[in-house]
């Protein structure tokens, strides 16, 4: 394959990837030549388009699958061709990552398992990552449930304490010697007495109006 790029201020303005029968045929070529069996694999007009197409091309040619890695055991991150490329083209020794420039726990070891052709390495990493995330999620839900149960227990104890205090206060408000009398019954009796007083007051006022002297003094 031959990679031909046109750049302007560090950005790709035009790109083409050519394929041919051998390296010699591709050395000086910048355009397809069907007569020499040189054809186009992809074209791009921007850096983003080139990166996306190259990722698909290289993963397909090398038969590689995207790698999944857990992020703080709460979510997953997908690593594609850039992670693989940095494993092939190692950076300088001054860089911190052991392999590549993606600082992620366990990723260098997973890349090593892929390139020695460990069977189903990408599938294994995907399964392990999903398992780790689910285990962490289950643990978080269990912790939350335990915290909720503890909060409910505390609230129940507080309410029971308040209920006990309210019962003590209610008992102290009951008349002496009649603690077995219901306050509801006492309130009902008070209401009846108030109505009886109001009725007697009406009778009294009516009697006063009846016996009062008229204007002539009769």
N, C-alpha and C. Protein backbone atom coordinates (compact mmCIF):
# COMPACT_ATOMS: atom_id res chain seq x y z
N UNK A 1 0.84 -1.20 0.00
CA UNK A 1 0.00 0.00 0.00
C UNK A 1 0.87 1.24 0.00
N UNK A 2 0.36 2.31 -0.61
CA UNK A 2 1.06 3.60 -0.64
C UNK A 2 0.12 4.66 -0.10
N UNK A 3 0.64 5.47 0.82
CA UNK A 3 -0.16 6.52 1.46
C UNK A 3 0.32 7.87 0.93
N UNK A 4 -0.54 8.59 0.25
CA UNK A 4 -0.19 9.88 -0.34
C UNK A 4 -1.05 10.97 0.32
N UNK A 5 -0.38 11.92 0.99
CA UNK A 5 -1.08 12.94 1.75
C UNK A 5 -0.68 14.33 1.27
N UNK A 6 -1.66 15.23 1.18
CA UNK A 6 -1.42 16.66 0.95
C UNK A 6 -1.79 17.39 2.23
N UNK A 7 -0.86 18.18 2.77
CA UNK A 7 -1.05 18.85 4.05
C UNK A 7 -1.01 20.37 3.89
N UNK A 8 -1.76 21.06 4.74
CA UNK A 8 -1.73 22.51 4.82
C UNK A 8 -1.85 22.90 6.28
N UNK A 9 -0.82 23.50 6.81
CA UNK A 9 -0.78 23.91 8.22
C UNK A 9 -1.03 22.73 9.16
N UNK A 10 -0.45 21.59 8.81
CA UNK A 10 -0.55 20.41 9.66
C UNK A 10 -1.84 19.63 9.53
N UNK A 11 -2.75 20.05 8.67
CA UNK A 11 -4.01 19.35 8.47
C UNK A 11 -4.07 18.75 7.07
N UNK A 12 -4.70 17.59 6.97
CA UNK A 12 -4.84 16.92 5.68
C UNK A 12 -5.89 17.62 4.84
N UNK A 13 -5.50 17.97 3.61
CA UNK A 13 -6.46 18.55 2.67
C UNK A 13 -6.87 17.55 1.60
N UNK A 14 -6.02 16.56 1.37
CA UNK A 14 -6.34 15.51 0.41
C UNK A 14 -5.49 14.29 0.73
N UNK A 15 -6.09 13.11 0.65
CA UNK A 15 -5.36 11.89 0.94
C UNK A 15 -5.89 10.76 0.07
N UNK A 16 -4.99 9.88 -0.33
CA UNK A 16 -5.37 8.71 -1.10
C UNK A 16 -4.47 7.55 -0.68
N UNK A 17 -5.05 6.38 -0.57
CA UNK A 17 -4.29 5.17 -0.28
C UNK A 17 -4.40 4.27 -1.50
N UNK A 18 -3.24 3.92 -2.04
CA UNK A 18 -3.19 3.11 -3.25
C UNK A 18 -2.69 1.71 -2.93
N UNK A 19 -3.09 0.77 -3.71
CA UNK A 19 -2.59 -0.59 -3.58
C UNK A 19 -2.10 -1.08 -4.94
N UNK A 20 -1.02 -1.85 -4.92
CA UNK A 20 -0.45 -2.34 -6.17
C UNK A 20 0.18 -3.70 -5.98
N UNK A 21 0.74 -4.26 -7.05
CA UNK A 21 1.28 -5.62 -6.98
C UNK A 21 2.56 -5.73 -6.16
N UNK A 22 3.36 -4.62 -6.05
CA UNK A 22 4.60 -4.66 -5.28
C UNK A 22 5.02 -3.25 -4.91
N UNK A 23 6.00 -3.14 -4.01
CA UNK A 23 6.46 -1.85 -3.52
C UNK A 23 7.08 -1.03 -4.65
N UNK A 24 7.82 -1.67 -5.51
CA UNK A 24 8.48 -0.95 -6.59
C UNK A 24 7.49 -0.22 -7.48
N UNK A 25 6.38 -0.85 -7.76
CA UNK A 25 5.37 -0.22 -8.63
C UNK A 25 4.73 0.99 -7.97
N UNK A 26 4.76 1.06 -6.64
CA UNK A 26 4.09 2.14 -5.92
C UNK A 26 5.01 3.29 -5.52
N UNK A 27 6.31 3.15 -5.74
CA UNK A 27 7.27 4.10 -5.19
C UNK A 27 7.01 5.54 -5.61
N UNK A 28 6.76 5.80 -6.87
CA UNK A 28 6.63 7.16 -7.37
C UNK A 28 5.20 7.52 -7.77
N UNK A 29 4.26 6.66 -7.46
CA UNK A 29 2.88 6.86 -7.93
C UNK A 29 2.07 7.66 -6.92
N UNK A 30 1.28 8.62 -7.43
CA UNK A 30 0.38 9.39 -6.57
C UNK A 30 -1.08 9.31 -7.04
N UNK A 31 -1.34 8.53 -8.04
CA UNK A 31 -2.69 8.40 -8.59
C UNK A 31 -2.88 6.97 -9.08
N UNK A 32 -4.11 6.50 -9.16
CA UNK A 32 -4.35 5.14 -9.63
C UNK A 32 -3.91 4.96 -11.09
N UNK A 33 -3.46 3.75 -11.41
CA UNK A 33 -3.02 3.42 -12.77
C UNK A 33 -3.48 1.98 -13.06
N UNK A 34 -4.70 1.81 -13.57
CA UNK A 34 -5.24 0.46 -13.80
C UNK A 34 -4.34 -0.39 -14.69
N UNK A 35 -3.63 0.25 -15.61
CA UNK A 35 -2.75 -0.52 -16.49
C UNK A 35 -1.63 -1.20 -15.73
N UNK A 36 -1.23 -0.64 -14.60
CA UNK A 36 -0.16 -1.23 -13.78
C UNK A 36 -0.75 -1.91 -12.54
N UNK A 37 -2.04 -2.12 -12.54
CA UNK A 37 -2.76 -2.78 -11.44
C UNK A 37 -2.67 -1.97 -10.13
N UNK A 38 -2.63 -0.66 -10.26
CA UNK A 38 -2.60 0.23 -9.09
C UNK A 38 -3.99 0.84 -8.94
N UNK A 39 -4.64 0.54 -7.84
CA UNK A 39 -6.01 0.99 -7.61
C UNK A 39 -6.11 1.75 -6.29
N UNK A 40 -7.26 2.40 -6.09
CA UNK A 40 -7.49 3.22 -4.89
C UNK A 40 -8.20 2.39 -3.83
N UNK A 41 -7.67 2.46 -2.62
CA UNK A 41 -8.35 1.82 -1.48
C UNK A 41 -9.28 2.80 -0.77
N UNK A 42 -8.85 4.05 -0.65
CA UNK A 42 -9.70 5.06 0.00
C UNK A 42 -9.23 6.45 -0.39
N UNK A 43 -10.15 7.39 -0.27
CA UNK A 43 -9.85 8.82 -0.46
C UNK A 43 -10.41 9.60 0.72
N UNK A 44 -9.75 10.69 1.06
CA UNK A 44 -10.23 11.55 2.16
C UNK A 44 -9.86 12.99 1.86
N UNK A 45 -10.69 13.91 2.35
CA UNK A 45 -10.45 15.33 2.13
C UNK A 45 -10.21 16.09 3.42
N UNK A 46 -10.10 15.38 4.55
CA UNK A 46 -9.86 16.04 5.83
C UNK A 46 -9.14 15.07 6.76
N UNK A 47 -8.57 15.62 7.82
CA UNK A 47 -7.86 14.80 8.80
C UNK A 47 -8.81 13.81 9.47
N UNK A 48 -10.00 14.28 9.85
CA UNK A 48 -10.96 13.42 10.55
C UNK A 48 -11.41 12.27 9.66
N UNK A 49 -11.71 12.57 8.40
CA UNK A 49 -12.15 11.52 7.48
C UNK A 49 -11.04 10.50 7.24
N UNK A 50 -9.82 10.98 7.10
CA UNK A 50 -8.69 10.08 6.89
C UNK A 50 -8.48 9.16 8.08
N UNK A 51 -8.55 9.73 9.29
CA UNK A 51 -8.35 8.93 10.50
C UNK A 51 -9.41 7.84 10.62
N UNK A 52 -10.66 8.20 10.34
CA UNK A 52 -11.74 7.22 10.45
C UNK A 52 -11.59 6.10 9.43
N UNK A 53 -11.25 6.46 8.19
CA UNK A 53 -11.13 5.44 7.15
C UNK A 53 -9.90 4.56 7.35
N UNK A 54 -8.81 5.16 7.79
CA UNK A 54 -7.60 4.38 8.04
C UNK A 54 -7.83 3.38 9.17
N UNK A 55 -8.55 3.80 10.20
CA UNK A 55 -8.84 2.90 11.32
C UNK A 55 -9.58 1.66 10.83
N UNK A 56 -10.62 1.87 10.02
CA UNK A 56 -11.37 0.74 9.49
C UNK A 56 -10.53 -0.13 8.57
N UNK A 57 -9.71 0.52 7.72
CA UNK A 57 -8.87 -0.22 6.79
C UNK A 57 -7.87 -1.11 7.51
N UNK A 58 -7.14 -0.56 8.48
CA UNK A 58 -6.09 -1.30 9.15
C UNK A 58 -6.64 -2.40 10.05
N UNK A 59 -7.73 -2.11 10.75
CA UNK A 59 -8.33 -3.16 11.58
C UNK A 59 -8.79 -4.33 10.72
N UNK A 60 -9.34 -4.00 9.54
CA UNK A 60 -9.79 -5.06 8.65
C UNK A 60 -8.63 -5.85 8.06
N UNK A 61 -7.58 -5.14 7.62
CA UNK A 61 -6.44 -5.83 7.00
C UNK A 61 -5.70 -6.73 8.00
N UNK A 62 -5.62 -6.29 9.26
CA UNK A 62 -4.91 -7.07 10.27
C UNK A 62 -5.83 -7.99 11.07
N UNK A 63 -7.12 -7.95 10.73
CA UNK A 63 -8.10 -8.80 11.42
C UNK A 63 -8.09 -8.56 12.93
N UNK A 64 -8.18 -7.29 13.30
CA UNK A 64 -8.17 -6.90 14.71
C UNK A 64 -9.54 -6.36 15.10
N UNK A 65 -9.92 -6.60 16.34
CA UNK A 65 -11.18 -6.12 16.88
C UNK A 65 -10.91 -4.99 17.87
N UNK A 66 -11.84 -4.02 17.99
CA UNK A 66 -11.67 -2.98 19.01
C UNK A 66 -11.56 -3.60 20.40
N UNK A 67 -10.76 -2.96 21.25
CA UNK A 67 -10.57 -3.44 22.62
C UNK A 67 -11.41 -2.61 23.58
N UNK A 68 -12.03 -3.28 24.54
CA UNK A 68 -12.79 -2.60 25.58
C UNK A 68 -11.99 -2.59 26.87
N UNK A 69 -12.08 -1.49 27.58
CA UNK A 69 -11.42 -1.39 28.88
C UNK A 69 -12.35 -0.67 29.84
N UNK A 70 -12.41 -1.11 31.08
CA UNK A 70 -13.30 -0.47 32.05
C UNK A 70 -12.69 0.83 32.54
N UNK A 71 -13.56 1.80 32.78
CA UNK A 71 -13.15 3.11 33.31
C UNK A 71 -13.68 3.23 34.72
N UNK A 72 -12.78 3.07 35.69
CA UNK A 72 -13.13 3.13 37.11
C UNK A 72 -14.25 2.15 37.45
N UNK A 73 -14.35 1.08 36.67
CA UNK A 73 -15.33 0.02 36.88
C UNK A 73 -16.76 0.52 36.87
N UNK A 74 -16.99 1.66 36.20
CA UNK A 74 -18.35 2.19 36.11
C UNK A 74 -18.82 2.31 34.66
N UNK A 75 -17.89 2.37 33.72
CA UNK A 75 -18.24 2.46 32.31
C UNK A 75 -17.12 1.83 31.50
N UNK A 76 -17.30 1.80 30.19
CA UNK A 76 -16.29 1.18 29.33
C UNK A 76 -15.74 2.19 28.33
N UNK A 77 -14.50 1.96 27.91
CA UNK A 77 -13.84 2.76 26.89
C UNK A 77 -13.41 1.84 25.76
N UNK A 78 -13.67 2.25 24.53
CA UNK A 78 -13.30 1.46 23.37
C UNK A 78 -12.00 2.00 22.77
N UNK A 79 -11.03 1.11 22.57
CA UNK A 79 -9.75 1.47 21.96
C UNK A 79 -9.67 0.83 20.58
N UNK A 80 -9.44 1.66 19.57
CA UNK A 80 -9.38 1.17 18.21
C UNK A 80 -7.97 1.17 17.65
N UNK A 81 -7.87 1.54 16.38
CA UNK A 81 -6.59 1.47 15.69
C UNK A 81 -5.49 2.33 16.32
N UNK A 82 -5.75 3.54 16.84
CA UNK A 82 -4.67 4.33 17.45
C UNK A 82 -3.94 3.58 18.56
N UNK A 83 -4.67 2.81 19.38
CA UNK A 83 -4.01 2.06 20.44
C UNK A 83 -3.14 0.94 19.86
N UNK A 84 -3.66 0.27 18.83
CA UNK A 84 -2.87 -0.78 18.18
C UNK A 84 -1.63 -0.19 17.52
N UNK A 85 -1.77 0.96 16.87
CA UNK A 85 -0.65 1.56 16.16
C UNK A 85 0.48 1.91 17.12
N UNK A 86 0.13 2.44 18.28
CA UNK A 86 1.15 2.80 19.26
C UNK A 86 1.81 1.57 19.87
N UNK A 87 1.15 0.43 19.75
CA UNK A 87 1.79 -0.80 20.21
C UNK A 87 2.79 -1.31 19.17
N UNK A 88 2.53 -1.00 17.90
CA UNK A 88 3.47 -1.39 16.84
C UNK A 88 4.63 -0.41 16.77
N UNK A 89 4.28 0.90 16.76
CA UNK A 89 5.29 1.94 16.66
C UNK A 89 5.49 2.54 18.05
N UNK A 90 6.41 1.97 18.81
CA UNK A 90 6.59 2.35 20.21
C UNK A 90 7.14 3.77 20.30
N UNK A 91 6.67 4.56 21.25
CA UNK A 91 7.20 5.91 21.45
C UNK A 91 8.57 5.87 22.10
N UNK A 92 9.15 7.03 22.32
CA UNK A 92 10.47 7.09 22.93
C UNK A 92 10.41 6.65 24.39
N UNK A 93 11.57 6.30 24.92
CA UNK A 93 11.62 5.80 26.28
C UNK A 93 11.23 6.81 27.34
N UNK A 94 11.21 8.10 26.96
CA UNK A 94 10.85 9.14 27.94
C UNK A 94 9.36 9.18 28.24
N UNK A 95 8.55 8.57 27.36
CA UNK A 95 7.11 8.56 27.60
C UNK A 95 6.76 7.64 28.76
N UNK A 96 5.71 7.98 29.48
CA UNK A 96 5.33 7.22 30.66
C UNK A 96 4.70 5.87 30.34
N UNK A 97 3.84 5.76 29.33
CA UNK A 97 3.20 4.46 29.10
C UNK A 97 4.22 3.38 28.76
N UNK A 98 3.96 2.18 29.24
CA UNK A 98 4.82 1.05 28.93
C UNK A 98 4.75 0.72 27.44
N UNK A 99 3.56 0.79 26.87
CA UNK A 99 3.39 0.48 25.45
C UNK A 99 2.33 1.41 24.90
N UNK A 100 2.71 2.26 23.97
CA UNK A 100 1.76 3.20 23.39
C UNK A 100 1.63 4.45 24.23
N UNK A 101 0.70 5.31 23.82
CA UNK A 101 0.51 6.59 24.52
C UNK A 101 -0.86 6.69 25.17
N UNK A 102 -1.56 5.57 25.33
CA UNK A 102 -2.85 5.54 26.01
C UNK A 102 -2.64 5.00 27.42
N UNK A 103 -2.79 5.88 28.42
CA UNK A 103 -2.55 5.47 29.80
C UNK A 103 -3.82 4.84 30.35
N UNK A 104 -3.91 3.54 30.31
CA UNK A 104 -5.07 2.81 30.79
C UNK A 104 -4.61 1.53 31.45
N UNK A 105 -5.11 1.25 32.64
CA UNK A 105 -4.70 0.05 33.37
C UNK A 105 -4.97 -1.20 32.54
N UNK A 106 -3.94 -2.03 32.39
CA UNK A 106 -4.12 -3.32 31.74
C UNK A 106 -4.06 -3.30 30.23
N UNK A 107 -4.11 -2.11 29.58
CA UNK A 107 -4.14 -2.06 28.12
C UNK A 107 -2.85 -2.59 27.49
N UNK A 108 -1.65 -2.23 27.97
CA UNK A 108 -0.44 -2.78 27.35
C UNK A 108 -0.41 -4.30 27.34
N UNK A 109 -0.79 -4.91 28.46
CA UNK A 109 -0.81 -6.37 28.52
C UNK A 109 -1.79 -6.96 27.55
N UNK A 110 -2.92 -6.30 27.36
CA UNK A 110 -3.92 -6.81 26.42
C UNK A 110 -3.42 -6.71 24.98
N UNK A 111 -2.71 -5.62 24.68
CA UNK A 111 -2.15 -5.49 23.34
C UNK A 111 -1.10 -6.58 23.09
N UNK A 112 -0.31 -6.88 24.09
CA UNK A 112 0.69 -7.93 23.94
C UNK A 112 0.02 -9.28 23.68
N UNK A 113 -1.12 -9.51 24.31
CA UNK A 113 -1.82 -10.78 24.10
C UNK A 113 -2.37 -10.87 22.68
N UNK A 114 -2.71 -9.70 22.10
CA UNK A 114 -3.26 -9.71 20.75
C UNK A 114 -2.18 -10.03 19.72
N UNK A 115 -1.04 -9.35 19.80
CA UNK A 115 -0.04 -9.50 18.75
C UNK A 115 0.70 -10.84 18.77
N UNK A 116 0.86 -11.52 19.94
CA UNK A 116 1.36 -12.90 19.87
C UNK A 116 0.29 -13.88 19.39
N UNK A 117 -0.88 -13.35 18.93
CA UNK A 117 -1.92 -14.19 18.34
C UNK A 117 -2.57 -15.12 19.35
N UNK A 118 -2.81 -14.60 20.55
CA UNK A 118 -3.59 -15.35 21.52
C UNK A 118 -5.01 -15.47 20.98
N UNK A 119 -5.57 -16.66 20.91
CA UNK A 119 -6.92 -16.83 20.33
C UNK A 119 -7.96 -15.99 21.07
N UNK A 120 -8.75 -15.28 20.27
CA UNK A 120 -9.89 -14.50 20.80
C UNK A 120 -9.49 -13.51 21.87
N UNK A 121 -8.31 -12.87 21.74
CA UNK A 121 -7.87 -11.92 22.77
C UNK A 121 -8.82 -10.75 22.90
N UNK A 122 -9.29 -10.20 21.76
CA UNK A 122 -10.21 -9.06 21.83
C UNK A 122 -11.53 -9.46 22.49
N UNK A 123 -12.02 -10.67 22.16
CA UNK A 123 -13.27 -11.13 22.77
C UNK A 123 -13.10 -11.33 24.27
N UNK A 124 -11.94 -11.85 24.68
CA UNK A 124 -11.69 -12.05 26.11
C UNK A 124 -11.66 -10.72 26.85
N UNK A 125 -11.01 -9.72 26.26
CA UNK A 125 -10.96 -8.41 26.92
C UNK A 125 -12.35 -7.81 27.04
N UNK A 126 -13.18 -8.01 26.00
CA UNK A 126 -14.55 -7.46 26.04
C UNK A 126 -15.37 -8.13 27.14
N UNK A 127 -15.27 -9.44 27.23
CA UNK A 127 -16.01 -10.17 28.25
C UNK A 127 -15.56 -9.77 29.64
N UNK A 128 -14.25 -9.68 29.84
CA UNK A 128 -13.72 -9.33 31.16
C UNK A 128 -14.13 -7.91 31.55
N UNK A 129 -14.09 -6.99 30.60
CA UNK A 129 -14.46 -5.60 30.90
C UNK A 129 -15.92 -5.50 31.29
N UNK A 130 -16.79 -6.14 30.52
CA UNK A 130 -18.23 -6.12 30.84
C UNK A 130 -18.48 -6.76 32.20
N UNK A 131 -17.78 -7.86 32.48
CA UNK A 131 -17.93 -8.53 33.77
C UNK A 131 -17.51 -7.60 34.91
N UNK A 132 -16.36 -6.91 34.76
CA UNK A 132 -15.88 -6.01 35.81
C UNK A 132 -16.87 -4.89 36.07
N UNK A 133 -17.42 -4.32 35.00
CA UNK A 133 -18.37 -3.22 35.15
C UNK A 133 -19.64 -3.70 35.84
N UNK A 134 -20.12 -4.89 35.48
CA UNK A 134 -21.35 -5.41 36.09
C UNK A 134 -21.14 -5.75 37.56
N UNK A 135 -19.99 -6.33 37.88
CA UNK A 135 -19.69 -6.63 39.28
C UNK A 135 -19.63 -5.35 40.10
N UNK A 136 -18.96 -4.33 39.55
CA UNK A 136 -18.88 -3.05 40.26
C UNK A 136 -20.26 -2.43 40.42
N UNK A 137 -21.10 -2.52 39.38
CA UNK A 137 -22.45 -1.98 39.47
C UNK A 137 -23.28 -2.70 40.51
N UNK A 138 -23.16 -4.02 40.56
CA UNK A 138 -23.89 -4.81 41.55
C UNK A 138 -23.44 -4.45 42.97
N UNK A 139 -22.13 -4.26 43.14
CA UNK A 139 -21.61 -3.88 44.45
C UNK A 139 -22.12 -2.50 44.86
N UNK A 140 -22.16 -1.58 43.90
CA UNK A 140 -22.65 -0.24 44.20
C UNK A 140 -24.13 -0.27 44.60
N UNK A 141 -24.93 -1.07 43.86
CA UNK A 141 -26.36 -1.17 44.20
C UNK A 141 -26.56 -1.81 45.57
N UNK A 142 -25.73 -2.81 45.90
CA UNK A 142 -25.84 -3.45 47.20
C UNK A 142 -25.47 -2.47 48.33
N UNK A 143 -24.43 -1.67 48.10
CA UNK A 143 -24.03 -0.68 49.09
C UNK A 143 -25.13 0.37 49.28
N UNK A 144 -25.75 0.78 48.16
CA UNK A 144 -26.83 1.76 48.24
C UNK A 144 -28.03 1.20 48.99
N UNK A 145 -28.35 -0.07 48.73
CA UNK A 145 -29.47 -0.70 49.41
C UNK A 145 -29.21 -0.81 50.92
N UNK A 146 -27.98 -1.14 51.27
CA UNK A 146 -27.64 -1.23 52.69
C UNK A 146 -27.73 0.13 53.36
N UNK A 147 -27.28 1.17 52.67
CA UNK A 147 -27.36 2.52 53.22
C UNK A 147 -28.81 2.95 53.39
N UNK A 148 -29.66 2.60 52.41
CA UNK A 148 -31.08 2.94 52.50
C UNK A 148 -31.74 2.22 53.66
N UNK A 149 -31.41 0.93 53.84
CA UNK A 149 -31.98 0.16 54.95
C UNK A 149 -31.55 0.74 56.29
N UNK A 150 -30.28 1.14 56.40
CA UNK A 150 -29.79 1.73 57.64
C UNK A 150 -30.50 3.05 57.93
N UNK A 151 -30.73 3.85 56.87
CA UNK A 151 -31.43 5.12 57.06
C UNK A 151 -32.86 4.90 57.52
N UNK A 152 -33.52 3.88 56.96
CA UNK A 152 -34.90 3.58 57.37
C UNK A 152 -34.94 3.09 58.81
N UNK A 153 -33.96 2.29 59.21
CA UNK A 153 -33.91 1.81 60.60
C UNK A 153 -33.75 2.98 61.56
N UNK A 154 -32.87 3.91 61.20
CA UNK A 154 -32.65 5.10 62.03
C UNK A 154 -33.91 5.94 62.13
N UNK A 155 -34.60 6.12 60.99
CA UNK A 155 -35.83 6.90 60.98
C UNK A 155 -36.91 6.23 61.80
N UNK A 156 -37.01 4.90 61.72
CA UNK A 156 -38.02 4.17 62.48
C UNK A 156 -37.77 4.32 63.98
N UNK A 157 -36.49 4.24 64.38
CA UNK A 157 -36.16 4.40 65.79
C UNK A 157 -36.52 5.81 66.27
N UNK A 158 -36.25 6.82 65.41
CA UNK A 158 -36.57 8.19 65.79
C UNK A 158 -38.08 8.38 65.94
N UNK A 159 -38.85 7.81 65.00
CA UNK A 159 -40.31 7.95 65.07
C UNK A 159 -40.88 7.23 66.29
N UNK A 160 -40.32 6.06 66.60
CA UNK A 160 -40.77 5.34 67.79
C UNK A 160 -40.49 6.14 69.05
N UNK A 161 -39.34 6.80 69.10
CA UNK A 161 -39.00 7.63 70.26
C UNK A 161 -39.97 8.80 70.37
N UNK A 162 -40.28 9.43 69.22
CA UNK A 162 -41.23 10.55 69.24
C UNK A 162 -42.62 10.08 69.64
N UNK A 163 -43.02 8.88 69.19
CA UNK A 163 -44.32 8.34 69.57
C UNK A 163 -44.40 8.09 71.07
N UNK A 164 -43.32 7.56 71.64
CA UNK A 164 -43.29 7.33 73.09
C UNK A 164 -43.43 8.63 73.86
N UNK A 165 -42.73 9.68 73.40
CA UNK A 165 -42.83 10.97 74.08
C UNK A 165 -44.24 11.54 73.95
N UNK A 166 -44.85 11.37 72.77
CA UNK A 166 -46.22 11.88 72.58
C UNK A 166 -47.20 11.15 73.49
N UNK A 167 -47.03 9.84 73.67
CA UNK A 167 -47.91 9.08 74.56
C UNK A 167 -47.73 9.54 76.01
N UNK A 168 -46.49 9.80 76.40
CA UNK A 168 -46.25 10.29 77.77
C UNK A 168 -46.92 11.65 77.97
N UNK A 169 -46.83 12.53 76.96
CA UNK A 169 -47.46 13.84 77.07
C UNK A 169 -48.96 13.71 77.13
N UNK A 170 -49.55 12.81 76.33
CA UNK A 170 -50.99 12.60 76.34
C UNK A 170 -51.46 12.09 77.69
N UNK A 171 -50.68 11.20 78.29
CA UNK A 171 -51.03 10.67 79.61
C UNK A 171 -50.99 11.77 80.67
N UNK A 172 -50.03 12.70 80.54
CA UNK A 172 -49.92 13.77 81.53
C UNK A 172 -51.05 14.77 81.42
N UNK A 173 -51.69 14.86 80.23
CA UNK A 173 -52.79 15.80 80.05
C UNK A 173 -54.13 15.26 80.52
N UNK A 174 -54.21 13.95 80.79
CA UNK A 174 -55.46 13.35 81.24
C UNK A 174 -55.79 13.83 82.65
N UNK A 175 -57.13 14.07 83.00
CA UNK A 175 -57.49 14.50 84.36
C UNK A 175 -57.08 13.45 85.39
N UNK A 176 -56.73 13.95 86.58
CA UNK A 176 -56.30 13.05 87.65
C UNK A 176 -57.44 12.14 88.07
N UNK A 177 -57.15 10.86 88.17
CA UNK A 177 -58.15 9.88 88.60
C UNK A 177 -59.05 9.40 87.50
N UNK A 178 -58.90 10.00 86.30
CA UNK A 178 -59.75 9.57 85.17
C UNK A 178 -58.88 9.25 83.96
N UNK A 179 -57.71 8.69 84.23
CA UNK A 179 -56.78 8.39 83.16
C UNK A 179 -57.33 7.39 82.16
N UNK A 180 -58.42 6.65 82.60
CA UNK A 180 -58.98 5.67 81.69
C UNK A 180 -60.05 6.27 80.79
N UNK A 181 -60.35 7.61 80.96
CA UNK A 181 -61.35 8.27 80.15
C UNK A 181 -60.71 8.72 78.85
N UNK A 182 -61.35 8.44 77.76
CA UNK A 182 -60.82 8.81 76.46
C UNK A 182 -60.94 10.32 76.24
N UNK A 183 -59.91 10.91 75.67
CA UNK A 183 -59.97 12.34 75.37
C UNK A 183 -61.04 12.63 74.34
N UNK A 184 -61.29 11.69 73.47
CA UNK A 184 -62.34 11.88 72.48
C UNK A 184 -63.71 11.97 73.17
N UNK A 185 -63.91 11.11 74.17
CA UNK A 185 -65.17 11.16 74.92
C UNK A 185 -65.29 12.47 75.67
N UNK A 186 -64.17 12.93 76.26
CA UNK A 186 -64.21 14.20 76.99
C UNK A 186 -64.54 15.36 76.04
N UNK A 187 -63.96 15.34 74.83
CA UNK A 187 -64.24 16.40 73.88
C UNK A 187 -65.71 16.37 73.46
N UNK A 188 -66.25 15.15 73.29
CA UNK A 188 -67.66 15.03 72.91
C UNK A 188 -68.56 15.57 74.02
N UNK A 189 -68.24 15.25 75.26
CA UNK A 189 -69.03 15.75 76.40
C UNK A 189 -68.98 17.27 76.48
N UNK A 190 -67.76 17.83 76.25
CA UNK A 190 -67.61 19.29 76.31
C UNK A 190 -68.44 19.95 75.22
N UNK A 191 -68.50 19.34 74.04
CA UNK A 191 -69.29 19.89 72.94
C UNK A 191 -70.78 19.87 73.29
N UNK A 192 -71.24 18.78 73.88
CA UNK A 192 -72.66 18.69 74.27
C UNK A 192 -73.01 19.74 75.32
N UNK A 193 -72.11 19.92 76.30
CA UNK A 193 -72.36 20.92 77.34
C UNK A 193 -72.40 22.32 76.75
N UNK A 194 -71.50 22.59 75.79
CA UNK A 194 -71.49 23.92 75.17
C UNK A 194 -72.78 24.16 74.41
N UNK A 195 -73.29 23.14 73.73
CA UNK A 195 -74.55 23.29 73.01
C UNK A 195 -75.70 23.50 73.98
N UNK A 196 -75.66 22.80 75.13
CA UNK A 196 -76.73 22.96 76.14
C UNK A 196 -76.72 24.37 76.70
N UNK A 197 -75.52 24.92 76.97
CA UNK A 197 -75.43 26.30 77.48
C UNK A 197 -75.98 27.28 76.46
N UNK A 198 -75.64 27.04 75.16
CA UNK A 198 -76.14 27.94 74.12
C UNK A 198 -77.66 27.88 74.04
N UNK A 199 -78.26 26.68 74.17
CA UNK A 199 -79.72 26.56 74.15
C UNK A 199 -80.34 27.30 75.33
N UNK A 200 -79.78 27.14 76.55
CA UNK A 200 -80.32 27.83 77.73
C UNK A 200 -80.19 29.34 77.57
N UNK A 201 -79.12 29.77 76.91
CA UNK A 201 -78.95 31.21 76.71
C UNK A 201 -80.04 31.75 75.79
N UNK A 202 -80.37 30.97 74.76
CA UNK A 202 -81.44 31.39 73.85
C UNK A 202 -82.77 31.47 74.59
N UNK A 203 -83.05 30.48 75.46
CA UNK A 203 -84.30 30.47 76.23
C UNK A 203 -84.36 31.68 77.16
N UNK A 204 -83.25 31.97 77.81
CA UNK A 204 -83.18 33.10 78.74
C UNK A 204 -83.45 34.41 78.03
N UNK A 205 -82.82 34.60 76.84
CA UNK A 205 -83.00 35.84 76.10
C UNK A 205 -84.44 35.96 75.61
N UNK A 206 -85.05 34.84 75.18
CA UNK A 206 -86.44 34.88 74.74
C UNK A 206 -87.39 35.22 75.88
N UNK A 207 -87.11 34.68 77.09
CA UNK A 207 -87.93 34.98 78.27
C UNK A 207 -87.82 36.44 78.64
N UNK A 208 -86.65 37.01 78.55
CA UNK A 208 -86.46 38.43 78.86
C UNK A 208 -87.24 39.31 77.90
N UNK A 209 -87.24 38.90 76.61
CA UNK A 209 -87.98 39.70 75.64
C UNK A 209 -89.49 39.63 75.90
N UNK A 210 -89.97 38.45 76.37
CA UNK A 210 -91.39 38.26 76.61
C UNK A 210 -91.87 39.05 77.82
N UNK A 211 -91.08 39.09 78.90
CA UNK A 211 -91.50 39.76 80.16
C UNK A 211 -91.09 41.21 80.20
N UNK A 212 -90.41 41.73 79.22
CA UNK A 212 -89.98 43.13 79.27
C UNK A 212 -91.19 44.03 79.12
N UNK A 213 -91.33 45.26 79.87
CA UNK A 213 -92.47 46.17 79.74
C UNK A 213 -92.51 46.81 78.37
N UNK A 214 -93.71 47.10 77.89
CA UNK A 214 -93.89 47.72 76.58
C UNK A 214 -93.57 49.20 76.66
N UNK A 215 -93.77 49.95 75.55
CA UNK A 215 -93.46 51.36 75.50
C UNK A 215 -94.33 52.18 76.43
N UNK A 216 -95.60 51.72 76.69
CA UNK A 216 -96.49 52.48 77.54
C UNK A 216 -96.31 52.15 79.01
N UNK A 217 -95.48 51.22 79.29
CA UNK A 217 -95.24 50.85 80.69
C UNK A 217 -96.08 49.72 81.14
N UNK A 218 -97.01 49.14 80.26
CA UNK A 218 -97.84 48.00 80.62
C UNK A 218 -97.04 46.73 80.74
